[in-house]
C-alpha atoms as a PDB file:
ATOM      1  CA  MET A   1     -76.990 -10.684 -59.803  1.00  0.00           C
ATOM      2  CA  GLN A   2     -73.759 -12.232 -59.342  1.00  0.00           C
ATOM      3  CA  ASN A   3     -71.721 -13.690 -62.070  1.00  0.00           C
ATOM      4  CA  ARG A   4     -70.210 -17.376 -60.407  1.00  0.00           C
ATOM      5  CA  THR A   5     -68.690 -20.654 -62.337  1.00  0.00           C
ATOM      6  CA  ILE A   6     -70.199 -24.009 -61.789  1.00  0.00           C
ATOM      7  CA  GLY A   7     -68.002 -26.884 -63.698  1.00  0.00           C
ATOM      8  CA  GLY A   8     -67.012 -24.335 -65.135  1.00  0.00           C
ATOM      9  CA  HIS A   9     -69.581 -23.164 -66.924  1.00  0.00           C
ATOM     10  CA  PRO A  10     -70.720 -19.590 -66.321  1.00  0.00           C
ATOM     11  CA  ALA A  11     -73.600 -19.049 -64.109  1.00  0.00           C
ATOM     12  CA  VAL A  12     -75.340 -16.474 -62.733  1.00  0.00           C
ATOM     13  CA  LEU A  13     -76.829 -16.042 -58.724  1.00  0.00           C
ATOM     14  CA  TYR A  14     -80.008 -13.913 -58.195  1.00  0.00           C
ATOM     15  CA  SER A  15     -82.771 -13.603 -56.233  1.00  0.00           C
ATOM     16  CA  ASP A  16     -86.566 -13.382 -56.364  1.00  0.00           C
ATOM     17  CA  ARG A  17     -89.595 -13.366 -54.313  1.00  0.00           C
ATOM     18  CA  THR A  18     -92.323 -16.224 -54.079  1.00  0.00           C
ATOM     19  CA  ILE A  19     -95.696 -16.297 -53.933  1.00  0.00           C
ATOM     20  CA  ALA A  20     -97.438 -17.344 -50.861  1.00  0.00           C
ATOM     21  CA  LEU A  21    -100.945 -19.711 -50.923  1.00  0.00           C
ATOM     22  CA  SER A  22    -102.799 -19.954 -47.878  1.00  0.00           C
ATOM     23  CA  PHE A  23    -106.051 -22.680 -48.302  1.00  0.00           C
ATOM     24  CA  ASN A  24    -109.223 -22.810 -46.152  1.00  0.00           C
ATOM     25  CA  LEU A  25    -110.034 -26.627 -46.134  1.00  0.00           C
ATOM     26  CA  GLY A  26    -112.887 -26.406 -45.036  1.00  0.00           C
ATOM     27  CA  GLY A  27    -114.206 -23.404 -47.195  1.00  0.00           C
ATOM     28  CA  GLY A  28    -112.760 -23.657 -50.254  1.00  0.00           C
ATOM     29  CA  LYS A  29    -110.875 -19.923 -50.124  1.00  0.00           C
ATOM     30  CA  VAL A  30    -107.390 -19.739 -51.610  1.00  0.00           C
ATOM     31  CA  ASP A  31    -105.689 -16.438 -50.443  1.00  0.00           C
ATOM     32  CA  THR A  32    -102.309 -15.353 -51.810  1.00  0.00           C
ATOM     33  CA  GLY A  33     -99.631 -12.590 -50.775  1.00  0.00           C
ATOM     34  CA  PRO A  34     -95.909 -12.249 -50.768  1.00  0.00           C
ATOM     35  CA  GLY A  35     -93.976 -15.258 -49.978  1.00  0.00           C
ATOM     36  CA  GLY A  36     -90.466 -15.524 -48.811  1.00  0.00           C
ATOM     37  CA  ILE A  37     -87.080 -14.411 -50.692  1.00  0.00           C
ATOM     38  CA  ALA A  38     -85.863 -17.500 -53.173  1.00  0.00           C
ATOM     39  CA  ARG A  39     -82.522 -17.577 -54.477  1.00  0.00           C
ATOM     40  CA  SER A  40     -81.323 -18.874 -57.427  1.00  0.00           C
ATOM     41  CA  LEU A  41     -78.489 -20.111 -60.202  1.00  0.00           C
ATOM     42  CA  LEU A  42     -78.965 -20.051 -63.825  1.00  0.00           C
ATOM     43  CA  VAL A  43     -75.639 -22.075 -65.012  1.00  0.00           C
ATOM     44  CA  ALA A  44     -75.310 -22.545 -69.058  1.00  0.00           C
ATOM     45  CA  LYS A  45     -75.378 -25.866 -70.661  1.00  0.00           C
ATOM     46  CA  ASP A  46     -71.798 -26.013 -71.530  1.00  0.00           C
ATOM     47  CA  SER A  47     -68.513 -24.405 -70.981  1.00  0.00           C
ATOM     48  CA  LYS A  48     -68.695 -22.045 -73.671  1.00  0.00           C
ATOM     49  CA  ASP A  49     -72.053 -20.374 -73.157  1.00  0.00           C
ATOM     50  CA  GLY A  50     -73.772 -21.825 -76.254  1.00  0.00           C
ATOM     51  CA  GLY A  51     -77.264 -21.876 -75.377  1.00  0.00           C
ATOM     52  CA  GLY A  52     -79.801 -23.085 -72.927  1.00  0.00           C
ATOM     53  CA  PHE A  53     -79.342 -23.349 -68.728  1.00  0.00           C
ATOM     54  CA  TYR A  54     -79.889 -25.343 -66.260  1.00  0.00           C
ATOM     55  CA  GLU A  55     -81.666 -23.409 -63.099  1.00  0.00           C
ATOM     56  CA  VAL A  56     -81.241 -24.178 -59.541  1.00  0.00           C
ATOM     57  CA  SER A  57     -83.926 -22.474 -56.627  1.00  0.00           C
ATOM     58  CA  ILE A  58     -83.797 -23.168 -52.932  1.00  0.00           C
ATOM     59  CA  TRP A  59     -86.294 -20.892 -50.296  1.00  0.00           C
ATOM     60  CA  ARG A  60     -86.689 -20.688 -47.300  1.00  0.00           C
ATOM     61  CA  GLN A  61     -90.306 -20.550 -45.474  1.00  0.00           C
ATOM     62  CA  ASP A  62     -89.548 -17.541 -43.497  1.00  0.00           C
ATOM     63  CA  ASP A  63     -88.549 -13.721 -44.883  1.00  0.00           C
ATOM     64  CA  VAL A  64     -84.755 -14.882 -44.244  1.00  0.00           C
ATOM     65  CA  VAL A  65     -82.512 -14.744 -47.992  1.00  0.00           C
ATOM     66  CA  PRO A  66     -81.150 -18.148 -48.407  1.00  0.00           C
ATOM     67  CA  ASP A  67     -77.468 -18.844 -47.840  1.00  0.00           C
ATOM     68  CA  ASP A  68     -75.616 -18.950 -51.162  1.00  0.00           C
ATOM     69  CA  LEU A  69     -72.774 -21.668 -49.986  1.00  0.00           C
ATOM     70  CA  ALA A  70     -75.965 -23.896 -49.685  1.00  0.00           C
ATOM     71  CA  LEU A  71     -77.593 -23.256 -53.138  1.00  0.00           C
ATOM     72  CA  LEU A  72     -73.851 -23.704 -54.738  1.00  0.00           C
ATOM     73  CA  ARG A  73     -73.098 -26.946 -52.699  1.00  0.00           C
ATOM     74  CA  VAL A  74     -76.820 -28.191 -54.102  1.00  0.00           C
ATOM     75  CA  ALA A  75     -75.486 -27.075 -57.486  1.00  0.00           C
ATOM     76  CA  GLU A  76     -72.321 -28.276 -57.318  1.00  0.00           C
ATOM     77  CA  THR A  77     -73.649 -31.837 -56.100  1.00  0.00           C
ATOM     78  CA  VAL A  78     -77.137 -32.359 -58.590  1.00  0.00           C
ATOM     79  CA  LEU A  79     -75.496 -30.756 -62.100  1.00  0.00           C
ATOM     80  CA  PRO A  80     -72.813 -33.660 -62.110  1.00  0.00           C
ATOM     81  CA  THR A  81     -75.587 -36.147 -62.073  1.00  0.00           C
ATOM     82  CA  VAL A  82     -77.803 -34.266 -65.131  1.00  0.00           C
ATOM     83  CA  PRO A  83     -77.401 -36.588 -68.422  1.00  0.00           C
ATOM     84  CA  ASP A  84     -75.734 -34.521 -70.760  1.00  0.00           C
ATOM     85  CA  TRP A  85     -73.766 -32.471 -68.051  1.00  0.00           C
ATOM     86  CA  THR A  86     -70.069 -32.051 -68.950  1.00  0.00           C
ATOM     87  CA  ALA A  87     -67.392 -30.593 -66.702  1.00  0.00           C
ATOM     88  CA  GLY A  88     -65.600 -27.449 -68.256  1.00  0.00           C
END
């Protein structure tokens, strides 16, 4: 885990594995297994970390870890558009 700040709000980056689902459209069978790596960012709802959070996640279809800078750019672009978001 890596601590960050997004728009003045405390945040933390972490990784997790996704689940892969395979559907056989002809036979109705579903297979599951380990998927790719997801990178996620938890951002406190307010700058004083008073409770609650927003979560932004990105993943790739291959086994390459997504780029942290891409995740941070997405969060910095999207979160200010969320109702009740205030810059810290």
